[in-house]
Protein backbone atom coordinates (compact mmCIF):
# COMPACT_ATOMS: atom_id res chain seq x y z
CA UNK A 1 0.00 0.00 0.00
CA UNK A 2 1.21 3.51 -0.72
CA UNK A 3 0.02 7.00 0.13
CA UNK A 4 1.34 10.21 -1.45
CA UNK A 5 0.69 13.84 -0.65
CA UNK A 6 2.24 16.79 -2.44
CA UNK A 7 1.97 20.56 -2.49
CA UNK A 8 3.40 22.14 -5.62
CA UNK A 9 3.93 25.70 -6.85
CA UNK A 10 4.56 26.82 -10.42
CA UNK A 11 5.43 30.34 -11.45
CA UNK A 12 3.40 31.87 -14.28
CA UNK A 13 4.92 32.20 -17.76
CA UNK A 14 7.19 35.22 -17.96
CA UNK A 15 5.17 36.82 -20.78
CA UNK A 16 2.17 36.87 -18.40
CA UNK A 17 4.29 38.64 -15.74
CA UNK A 18 6.34 41.15 -17.70
CA UNK A 19 6.34 42.88 -21.07
CA UNK A 20 8.62 45.57 -22.50
CA UNK A 21 7.42 49.18 -22.75
CA UNK A 22 7.87 49.23 -26.55
CA UNK A 23 5.58 46.25 -26.97
CA UNK A 24 3.09 47.69 -24.48
CA UNK A 25 3.00 51.05 -26.27
CA UNK A 26 2.52 49.32 -29.63
CA UNK A 27 -0.47 47.36 -28.29
CA UNK A 28 -2.13 50.44 -26.77
CA UNK A 29 -1.75 52.61 -29.88
CA UNK A 30 -2.73 49.82 -32.32
CA UNK A 31 -6.29 49.77 -31.07
CA UNK A 32 -6.41 45.98 -30.92
CA UNK A 33 -7.45 43.91 -27.94
CA UNK A 34 -4.57 42.56 -25.92
CA UNK A 35 -4.45 41.62 -22.22
CA UNK A 36 -1.64 43.28 -20.29
CA UNK A 37 0.95 41.42 -18.27
CA UNK A 38 0.64 41.51 -14.50
CA UNK A 39 3.80 41.52 -12.32
CA UNK A 40 1.60 40.79 -9.26
CA UNK A 41 0.67 37.27 -10.41
CA UNK A 42 0.97 34.60 -7.74
CA UNK A 43 2.34 31.10 -8.40
CA UNK A 44 -0.20 28.46 -9.39
CA UNK A 45 -0.81 26.12 -6.44
CA UNK A 46 -1.51 22.40 -6.68
CA UNK A 47 -2.35 20.01 -3.84
CA UNK A 48 -2.28 16.34 -4.78
CA UNK A 49 -3.40 13.22 -2.92
CA UNK A 50 -2.87 9.62 -4.02
CA UNK A 51 -3.53 6.26 -2.42
CA UNK A 52 -2.94 2.85 -3.93
CA UNK A 53 -2.19 -0.80 -3.50
CA UNK A 54 0.38 -3.01 -5.22
CA UNK A 55 0.07 -6.76 -5.00
CA UNK A 56 2.25 -9.50 -6.41
CA UNK A 57 -0.06 -12.13 -7.90
CA UNK A 58 2.65 -14.60 -9.00
CA UNK A 59 6.43 -14.66 -9.19
CA UNK A 60 6.44 -12.61 -12.40
CA UNK A 61 3.08 -10.82 -12.24
CA UNK A 62 2.09 -7.73 -10.23
CA UNK A 63 -1.19 -5.79 -10.01
CA UNK A 64 -1.50 -2.14 -8.98
CA UNK A 65 -4.58 0.00 -8.35
CA UNK A 66 -4.45 3.63 -7.30
CA UNK A 67 -6.77 6.62 -6.93
CA UNK A 68 -5.73 10.27 -7.07
CA UNK A 69 -7.15 13.74 -6.57
CA UNK A 70 -5.50 17.01 -7.59
CA UNK A 71 -6.76 20.48 -6.59
CA UNK A 72 -5.33 23.31 -8.72
CA UNK A 73 -5.77 26.94 -7.57
CA UNK A 74 -4.73 30.37 -8.87
CA UNK A 75 -4.50 29.40 -12.53
CA UNK A 76 -3.80 32.39 -14.77
CA UNK A 77 -6.68 33.77 -16.85
CA UNK A 78 -7.63 37.04 -18.53
CA UNK A 79 -9.55 39.40 -16.25
CA UNK A 80 -11.22 42.65 -17.39
CA UNK A 81 -11.11 45.63 -15.02
CA UNK A 82 -12.80 49.02 -15.03
CA UNK A 83 -10.37 51.92 -15.35
CA UNK A 84 -10.29 54.80 -12.87
CA UNK A 85 -9.40 58.34 -14.05
CA UNK A 86 -8.40 57.32 -17.57
CA UNK A 87 -9.62 57.77 -21.12
CA UNK A 88 -9.68 53.96 -21.46
CA UNK A 89 -12.87 52.58 -19.86
CA UNK A 90 -11.80 48.99 -19.37
CA UNK A 91 -8.63 47.00 -19.80
CA UNK A 92 -7.71 43.34 -19.46
CA UNK A 93 -4.85 41.84 -17.47
CA UNK A 94 -3.74 38.35 -16.59
CA UNK A 95 -4.85 37.40 -13.08
CA UNK A 96 -5.01 34.34 -10.79
CA UNK A 97 -8.74 33.63 -11.11
CA UNK A 98 -9.08 30.10 -12.54
CA UNK A 99 -9.15 26.75 -10.76
CA UNK A 100 -9.47 23.10 -11.62
CA UNK A 101 -9.67 19.59 -10.24
CA UNK A 102 -8.36 16.32 -11.60
CA UNK A 103 -9.47 13.01 -10.14
CA UNK A 104 -8.99 9.52 -11.38
CA UNK A 105 -8.21 5.84 -11.03
CA UNK A 106 -5.21 3.86 -12.36
CA UNK A 107 -5.19 0.09 -12.79
CA UNK A 108 -2.10 -1.69 -14.09
CA UNK A 109 -0.75 -5.19 -14.60
CA UNK A 110 2.99 -5.79 -15.00
CA UNK A 111 4.63 -9.03 -16.06
CA UNK A 112 8.39 -9.28 -15.63
CA UNK A 113 10.42 -10.71 -18.48
CA UNK A 114 9.54 -14.39 -18.87
CA UNK A 115 10.77 -16.40 -21.88
CA UNK A 116 11.92 -13.23 -23.69
CA UNK A 117 8.59 -11.41 -23.20
CA UNK A 118 7.72 -8.50 -20.89
CA UNK A 119 4.21 -7.02 -20.69
CA UNK A 120 2.75 -3.82 -19.18
CA UNK A 121 -0.96 -3.02 -19.33
CA UNK A 122 -2.48 0.13 -17.86
CA UNK A 123 -5.95 1.67 -17.75
CA UNK A 124 -6.64 5.20 -16.48
CA UNK A 125 -10.04 6.73 -15.78
CA UNK A 126 -9.62 10.48 -15.28
CA UNK A 127 -11.86 13.53 -14.93
CA UNK A 128 -10.30 16.99 -15.36
CA UNK A 129 -12.70 19.89 -14.82
CA UNK A 130 -12.15 23.57 -14.20
CA UNK A 131 -12.84 27.12 -15.30
CA UNK A 132 -10.08 27.38 -17.90
CA UNK A 133 -7.59 25.08 -19.58
CA UNK A 134 -4.94 27.71 -20.23
CA UNK A 135 -4.37 31.46 -19.77
CA UNK A 136 -6.02 32.51 -23.04
CA UNK A 137 -9.22 30.45 -22.62
CA UNK A 138 -11.32 33.55 -21.92
CA UNK A 139 -9.78 35.67 -24.69
CA UNK A 140 -12.82 35.83 -27.00
CA UNK A 141 -15.27 36.12 -24.10
CA UNK A 142 -13.37 39.06 -22.58
CA UNK A 143 -12.96 40.73 -25.95
CA UNK A 144 -16.67 40.54 -26.82
CA UNK A 145 -18.09 40.81 -23.28
CA UNK A 146 -15.80 42.82 -20.97
CA UNK A 147 -18.28 42.54 -18.06
CA UNK A 148 -16.69 39.30 -16.97
CA UNK A 149 -15.98 35.72 -17.79
CA UNK A 150 -18.66 33.20 -16.77
CA UNK A 151 -17.32 30.94 -14.05
CA UNK A 152 -18.70 27.47 -14.64
CA UNK A 153 -16.66 24.29 -14.51
CA UNK A 154 -16.28 22.34 -17.73
CA UNK A 155 -14.05 19.52 -18.93
CA UNK A 156 -10.55 20.90 -19.49
CA UNK A 157 -8.61 20.57 -22.75
CA UNK A 158 -6.45 17.82 -21.26
CA UNK A 159 -9.42 15.79 -19.94
CA UNK A 160 -9.01 12.16 -21.06
CA UNK A 161 -11.74 9.97 -19.62
CA UNK A 162 -10.40 6.60 -20.70
CA UNK A 163 -6.79 5.84 -21.54
CA UNK A 164 -5.48 2.36 -22.33
CA UNK A 165 -1.75 1.71 -22.63
CA UNK A 166 -0.10 -1.56 -23.51
CA UNK A 167 3.58 -2.36 -23.91
CA UNK A 168 4.70 -5.66 -25.34
CA UNK A 169 8.49 -6.12 -25.25
CA UNK A 170 10.14 -9.13 -26.83
CA UNK A 171 13.94 -9.45 -26.72
CA UNK A 172 16.21 -12.18 -27.91
CA UNK A 173 19.86 -12.87 -27.24
CA UNK A 174 22.45 -13.46 -29.94
CA UNK A 175 21.57 -16.27 -32.33
CA UNK A 176 18.11 -16.71 -30.74
CA UNK A 177 15.95 -14.54 -32.99
CA UNK A 178 14.40 -15.19 -36.39
CA UNK A 179 16.73 -15.50 -39.40
CA UNK A 180 16.22 -13.47 -42.56
C-alpha atoms as a PDB file:
ATOM      1  CA  UNK A   1       0.000   0.000   0.000  1.00  0.00           C
ATOM      2  CA  UNK A   2       1.212   3.507  -0.723  1.00  0.00           C
ATOM      3  CA  UNK A   3       0.016   7.004   0.131  1.00  0.00           C
ATOM      4  CA  UNK A   4       1.342  10.208  -1.448  1.00  0.00           C
ATOM      5  CA  UNK A   5       0.692  13.844  -0.647  1.00  0.00           C
ATOM      6  CA  UNK A   6       2.235  16.789  -2.438  1.00  0.00           C
ATOM      7  CA  UNK A   7       1.974  20.558  -2.489  1.00  0.00           C
ATOM      8  CA  UNK A   8       3.399  22.145  -5.622  1.00  0.00           C
ATOM      9  CA  UNK A   9       3.932  25.695  -6.846  1.00  0.00           C
ATOM     10  CA  UNK A  10       4.563  26.816 -10.418  1.00  0.00           C
ATOM     11  CA  UNK A  11       5.432  30.339 -11.448  1.00  0.00           C
ATOM     12  CA  UNK A  12       3.401  31.867 -14.283  1.00  0.00           C
ATOM     13  CA  UNK A  13       4.920  32.195 -17.760  1.00  0.00           C
ATOM     14  CA  UNK A  14       7.194  35.221 -17.959  1.00  0.00           C
ATOM     15  CA  UNK A  15       5.169  36.816 -20.776  1.00  0.00           C
ATOM     16  CA  UNK A  16       2.173  36.868 -18.397  1.00  0.00           C
ATOM     17  CA  UNK A  17       4.288  38.636 -15.745  1.00  0.00           C
ATOM     18  CA  UNK A  18       6.345  41.146 -17.702  1.00  0.00           C
ATOM     19  CA  UNK A  19       6.337  42.883 -21.072  1.00  0.00           C
ATOM     20  CA  UNK A  20       8.624  45.573 -22.501  1.00  0.00           C
ATOM     21  CA  UNK A  21       7.418  49.176 -22.754  1.00  0.00           C
ATOM     22  CA  UNK A  22       7.869  49.231 -26.551  1.00  0.00           C
ATOM     23  CA  UNK A  23       5.581  46.247 -26.966  1.00  0.00           C
ATOM     24  CA  UNK A  24       3.088  47.691 -24.476  1.00  0.00           C
ATOM     25  CA  UNK A  25       2.998  51.052 -26.266  1.00  0.00           C
ATOM     26  CA  UNK A  26       2.522  49.319 -29.627  1.00  0.00           C
ATOM     27  CA  UNK A  27      -0.473  47.361 -28.286  1.00  0.00           C
ATOM     28  CA  UNK A  28      -2.130  50.440 -26.774  1.00  0.00           C
ATOM     29  CA  UNK A  29      -1.750  52.609 -29.881  1.00  0.00           C
ATOM     30  CA  UNK A  30      -2.727  49.822 -32.317  1.00  0.00           C
ATOM     31  CA  UNK A  31      -6.295  49.768 -31.065  1.00  0.00           C
ATOM     32  CA  UNK A  32      -6.412  45.983 -30.922  1.00  0.00           C
ATOM     33  CA  UNK A  33      -7.453  43.907 -27.943  1.00  0.00           C
ATOM     34  CA  UNK A  34      -4.570  42.561 -25.918  1.00  0.00           C
ATOM     35  CA  UNK A  35      -4.451  41.624 -22.223  1.00  0.00           C
ATOM     36  CA  UNK A  36      -1.643  43.278 -20.291  1.00  0.00           C
ATOM     37  CA  UNK A  37       0.953  41.416 -18.268  1.00  0.00           C
ATOM     38  CA  UNK A  38       0.644  41.513 -14.500  1.00  0.00           C
ATOM     39  CA  UNK A  39       3.799  41.522 -12.318  1.00  0.00           C
ATOM     40  CA  UNK A  40       1.604  40.786  -9.262  1.00  0.00           C
ATOM     41  CA  UNK A  41       0.673  37.266 -10.411  1.00  0.00           C
ATOM     42  CA  UNK A  42       0.970  34.605  -7.741  1.00  0.00           C
ATOM     43  CA  UNK A  43       2.337  31.097  -8.403  1.00  0.00           C
ATOM     44  CA  UNK A  44      -0.200  28.460  -9.391  1.00  0.00           C
ATOM     45  CA  UNK A  45      -0.809  26.124  -6.445  1.00  0.00           C
ATOM     46  CA  UNK A  46      -1.508  22.397  -6.677  1.00  0.00           C
ATOM     47  CA  UNK A  47      -2.352  20.008  -3.836  1.00  0.00           C
ATOM     48  CA  UNK A  48      -2.276  16.335  -4.780  1.00  0.00           C
ATOM     49  CA  UNK A  49      -3.399  13.217  -2.922  1.00  0.00           C
ATOM     50  CA  UNK A  50      -2.867   9.622  -4.016  1.00  0.00           C
ATOM     51  CA  UNK A  51      -3.529   6.263  -2.421  1.00  0.00           C
ATOM     52  CA  UNK A  52      -2.941   2.852  -3.931  1.00  0.00           C
ATOM     53  CA  UNK A  53      -2.192  -0.803  -3.504  1.00  0.00           C
ATOM     54  CA  UNK A  54       0.382  -3.012  -5.225  1.00  0.00           C
ATOM     55  CA  UNK A  55       0.065  -6.765  -4.998  1.00  0.00           C
ATOM     56  CA  UNK A  56       2.253  -9.502  -6.415  1.00  0.00           C
ATOM     57  CA  UNK A  57      -0.059 -12.131  -7.899  1.00  0.00           C
ATOM     58  CA  UNK A  58       2.651 -14.601  -9.003  1.00  0.00           C
ATOM     59  CA  UNK A  59       6.432 -14.660  -9.186  1.00  0.00           C
ATOM     60  CA  UNK A  60       6.439 -12.607 -12.404  1.00  0.00           C
ATOM     61  CA  UNK A  61       3.075 -10.824 -12.244  1.00  0.00           C
ATOM     62  CA  UNK A  62       2.085  -7.732 -10.234  1.00  0.00           C
ATOM     63  CA  UNK A  63      -1.189  -5.795 -10.012  1.00  0.00           C
ATOM     64  CA  UNK A  64      -1.499  -2.138  -8.977  1.00  0.00           C
ATOM     65  CA  UNK A  65      -4.580   0.000  -8.353  1.00  0.00           C
ATOM     66  CA  UNK A  66      -4.448   3.634  -7.296  1.00  0.00           C
ATOM     67  CA  UNK A  67      -6.768   6.617  -6.927  1.00  0.00           C
ATOM     68  CA  UNK A  68      -5.728  10.266  -7.068  1.00  0.00           C
ATOM     69  CA  UNK A  69      -7.155  13.743  -6.573  1.00  0.00           C
ATOM     70  CA  UNK A  70      -5.496  17.005  -7.594  1.00  0.00           C
ATOM     71  CA  UNK A  71      -6.761  20.481  -6.594  1.00  0.00           C
ATOM     72  CA  UNK A  72      -5.330  23.315  -8.725  1.00  0.00           C
ATOM     73  CA  UNK A  73      -5.767  26.939  -7.565  1.00  0.00           C
ATOM     74  CA  UNK A  74      -4.727  30.367  -8.870  1.00  0.00           C
ATOM     75  CA  UNK A  75      -4.501  29.399 -12.529  1.00  0.00           C
ATOM     76  CA  UNK A  76      -3.800  32.386 -14.772  1.00  0.00           C
ATOM     77  CA  UNK A  77      -6.680  33.770 -16.850  1.00  0.00           C
ATOM     78  CA  UNK A  78      -7.632  37.038 -18.532  1.00  0.00           C
ATOM     79  CA  UNK A  79      -9.551  39.403 -16.245  1.00  0.00           C
ATOM     80  CA  UNK A  80     -11.217  42.649 -17.389  1.00  0.00           C
ATOM     81  CA  UNK A  81     -11.106  45.629 -15.018  1.00  0.00           C
ATOM     82  CA  UNK A  82     -12.798  49.024 -15.032  1.00  0.00           C
ATOM     83  CA  UNK A  83     -10.374  51.922 -15.350  1.00  0.00           C
ATOM     84  CA  UNK A  84     -10.285  54.796 -12.872  1.00  0.00           C
ATOM     85  CA  UNK A  85      -9.402  58.336 -14.048  1.00  0.00           C
ATOM     86  CA  UNK A  86      -8.401  57.319 -17.568  1.00  0.00           C
ATOM     87  CA  UNK A  87      -9.620  57.765 -21.115  1.00  0.00           C
ATOM     88  CA  UNK A  88      -9.684  53.958 -21.462  1.00  0.00           C
ATOM     89  CA  UNK A  89     -12.869  52.585 -19.860  1.00  0.00           C
ATOM     90  CA  UNK A  90     -11.804  48.990 -19.368  1.00  0.00           C
ATOM     91  CA  UNK A  91      -8.633  46.997 -19.804  1.00  0.00           C
ATOM     92  CA  UNK A  92      -7.706  43.338 -19.460  1.00  0.00           C
ATOM     93  CA  UNK A  93      -4.855  41.839 -17.468  1.00  0.00           C
ATOM     94  CA  UNK A  94      -3.736  38.352 -16.587  1.00  0.00           C
ATOM     95  CA  UNK A  95      -4.848  37.404 -13.081  1.00  0.00           C
ATOM     96  CA  UNK A  96      -5.013  34.341 -10.793  1.00  0.00           C
ATOM     97  CA  UNK A  97      -8.738  33.625 -11.110  1.00  0.00           C
ATOM     98  CA  UNK A  98      -9.081  30.099 -12.543  1.00  0.00           C
ATOM     99  CA  UNK A  99      -9.146  26.752 -10.758  1.00  0.00           C
ATOM    100  CA  UNK A 100      -9.468  23.097 -11.625  1.00  0.00           C
ATOM    101  CA  UNK A 101      -9.665  19.594 -10.238  1.00  0.00           C
ATOM    102  CA  UNK A 102      -8.359  16.320 -11.600  1.00  0.00           C
ATOM    103  CA  UNK A 103      -9.468  13.005 -10.143  1.00  0.00           C
ATOM    104  CA  UNK A 104      -8.991   9.518 -11.376  1.00  0.00           C
ATOM    105  CA  UNK A 105      -8.206   5.843 -11.026  1.00  0.00           C
ATOM    106  CA  UNK A 106      -5.209   3.863 -12.358  1.00  0.00           C
ATOM    107  CA  UNK A 107      -5.185   0.092 -12.787  1.00  0.00           C
ATOM    108  CA  UNK A 108      -2.095  -1.689 -14.093  1.00  0.00           C
ATOM    109  CA  UNK A 109      -0.751  -5.185 -14.601  1.00  0.00           C
ATOM    110  CA  UNK A 110       2.987  -5.793 -15.004  1.00  0.00           C
ATOM    111  CA  UNK A 111       4.627  -9.030 -16.063  1.00  0.00           C
ATOM    112  CA  UNK A 112       8.390  -9.284 -15.627  1.00  0.00           C
ATOM    113  CA  UNK A 113      10.416 -10.712 -18.482  1.00  0.00           C
ATOM    114  CA  UNK A 114       9.543 -14.385 -18.875  1.00  0.00           C
ATOM    115  CA  UNK A 115      10.768 -16.401 -21.876  1.00  0.00           C
ATOM    116  CA  UNK A 116      11.924 -13.231 -23.688  1.00  0.00           C
ATOM    117  CA  UNK A 117       8.588 -11.413 -23.196  1.00  0.00           C
ATOM    118  CA  UNK A 118       7.716  -8.495 -20.890  1.00  0.00           C
ATOM    119  CA  UNK A 119       4.207  -7.024 -20.694  1.00  0.00           C
ATOM    120  CA  UNK A 120       2.748  -3.818 -19.179  1.00  0.00           C
ATOM    121  CA  UNK A 121      -0.964  -3.025 -19.328  1.00  0.00           C
ATOM    122  CA  UNK A 122      -2.476   0.127 -17.856  1.00  0.00           C
ATOM    123  CA  UNK A 123      -5.947   1.670 -17.749  1.00  0.00           C
ATOM    124  CA  UNK A 124      -6.636   5.195 -16.481  1.00  0.00           C
ATOM    125  CA  UNK A 125     -10.036   6.730 -15.775  1.00  0.00           C
ATOM    126  CA  UNK A 126      -9.623  10.476 -15.285  1.00  0.00           C
ATOM    127  CA  UNK A 127     -11.856  13.530 -14.928  1.00  0.00           C
ATOM    128  CA  UNK A 128     -10.295  16.994 -15.357  1.00  0.00           C
ATOM    129  CA  UNK A 129     -12.700  19.890 -14.819  1.00  0.00           C
ATOM    130  CA  UNK A 130     -12.151  23.575 -14.203  1.00  0.00           C
ATOM    131  CA  UNK A 131     -12.844  27.115 -15.301  1.00  0.00           C
ATOM    132  CA  UNK A 132     -10.083  27.378 -17.900  1.00  0.00           C
ATOM    133  CA  UNK A 133      -7.593  25.080 -19.576  1.00  0.00           C
ATOM    134  CA  UNK A 134      -4.940  27.710 -20.232  1.00  0.00           C
ATOM    135  CA  UNK A 135      -4.367  31.457 -19.770  1.00  0.00           C
ATOM    136  CA  UNK A 136      -6.024  32.508 -23.042  1.00  0.00           C
ATOM    137  CA  UNK A 137      -9.223  30.445 -22.616  1.00  0.00           C
ATOM    138  CA  UNK A 138     -11.317  33.549 -21.916  1.00  0.00           C
ATOM    139  CA  UNK A 139      -9.777  35.671 -24.694  1.00  0.00           C
ATOM    140  CA  UNK A 140     -12.817  35.827 -26.999  1.00  0.00           C
ATOM    141  CA  UNK A 141     -15.265  36.119 -24.099  1.00  0.00           C
ATOM    142  CA  UNK A 142     -13.371  39.060 -22.583  1.00  0.00           C
ATOM    143  CA  UNK A 143     -12.957  40.731 -25.954  1.00  0.00           C
ATOM    144  CA  UNK A 144     -16.665  40.537 -26.821  1.00  0.00           C
ATOM    145  CA  UNK A 145     -18.086  40.812 -23.281  1.00  0.00           C
ATOM    146  CA  UNK A 146     -15.805  42.821 -20.972  1.00  0.00           C
ATOM    147  CA  UNK A 147     -18.279  42.535 -18.063  1.00  0.00           C
ATOM    148  CA  UNK A 148     -16.694  39.300 -16.974  1.00  0.00           C
ATOM    149  CA  UNK A 149     -15.983  35.718 -17.789  1.00  0.00           C
ATOM    150  CA  UNK A 150     -18.656  33.202 -16.768  1.00  0.00           C
ATOM    151  CA  UNK A 151     -17.316  30.936 -14.049  1.00  0.00           C
ATOM    152  CA  UNK A 152     -18.700  27.466 -14.637  1.00  0.00           C
ATOM    153  CA  UNK A 153     -16.658  24.289 -14.507  1.00  0.00           C
ATOM    154  CA  UNK A 154     -16.284  22.340 -17.725  1.00  0.00           C
ATOM    155  CA  UNK A 155     -14.046  19.518 -18.928  1.00  0.00           C
ATOM    156  CA  UNK A 156     -10.550  20.900 -19.489  1.00  0.00           C
ATOM    157  CA  UNK A 157      -8.614  20.569 -22.750  1.00  0.00           C
ATOM    158  CA  UNK A 158      -6.446  17.816 -21.264  1.00  0.00           C
ATOM    159  CA  UNK A 159      -9.422  15.787 -19.943  1.00  0.00           C
ATOM    160  CA  UNK A 160      -9.008  12.163 -21.055  1.00  0.00           C
ATOM    161  CA  UNK A 161     -11.737   9.967 -19.621  1.00  0.00           C
ATOM    162  CA  UNK A 162     -10.399   6.598 -20.704  1.00  0.00           C
ATOM    163  CA  UNK A 163      -6.790   5.840 -21.540  1.00  0.00           C
ATOM    164  CA  UNK A 164      -5.484   2.365 -22.330  1.00  0.00           C
ATOM    165  CA  UNK A 165      -1.749   1.710 -22.625  1.00  0.00           C
ATOM    166  CA  UNK A 166      -0.103  -1.561 -23.508  1.00  0.00           C
ATOM    167  CA  UNK A 167       3.580  -2.357 -23.911  1.00  0.00           C
ATOM    168  CA  UNK A 168       4.705  -5.662 -25.343  1.00  0.00           C
ATOM    169  CA  UNK A 169       8.486  -6.115 -25.250  1.00  0.00           C
ATOM    170  CA  UNK A 170      10.143  -9.127 -26.834  1.00  0.00           C
ATOM    171  CA  UNK A 171      13.938  -9.452 -26.716  1.00  0.00           C
ATOM    172  CA  UNK A 172      16.212 -12.178 -27.908  1.00  0.00           C
ATOM    173  CA  UNK A 173      19.858 -12.865 -27.241  1.00  0.00           C
ATOM    174  CA  UNK A 174      22.455 -13.459 -29.945  1.00  0.00           C
ATOM    175  CA  UNK A 175      21.571 -16.271 -32.332  1.00  0.00           C
ATOM    176  CA  UNK A 176      18.110 -16.708 -30.741  1.00  0.00           C
ATOM    177  CA  UNK A 177      15.946 -14.537 -32.989  1.00  0.00           C
ATOM    178  CA  UNK A 178      14.403 -15.186 -36.391  1.00  0.00           C
ATOM    179  CA  UNK A 179      16.728 -15.495 -39.396  1.00  0.00           C
ATOM    180  CA  UNK A 180      16.216 -13.471 -42.561  1.00  0.00           C
END
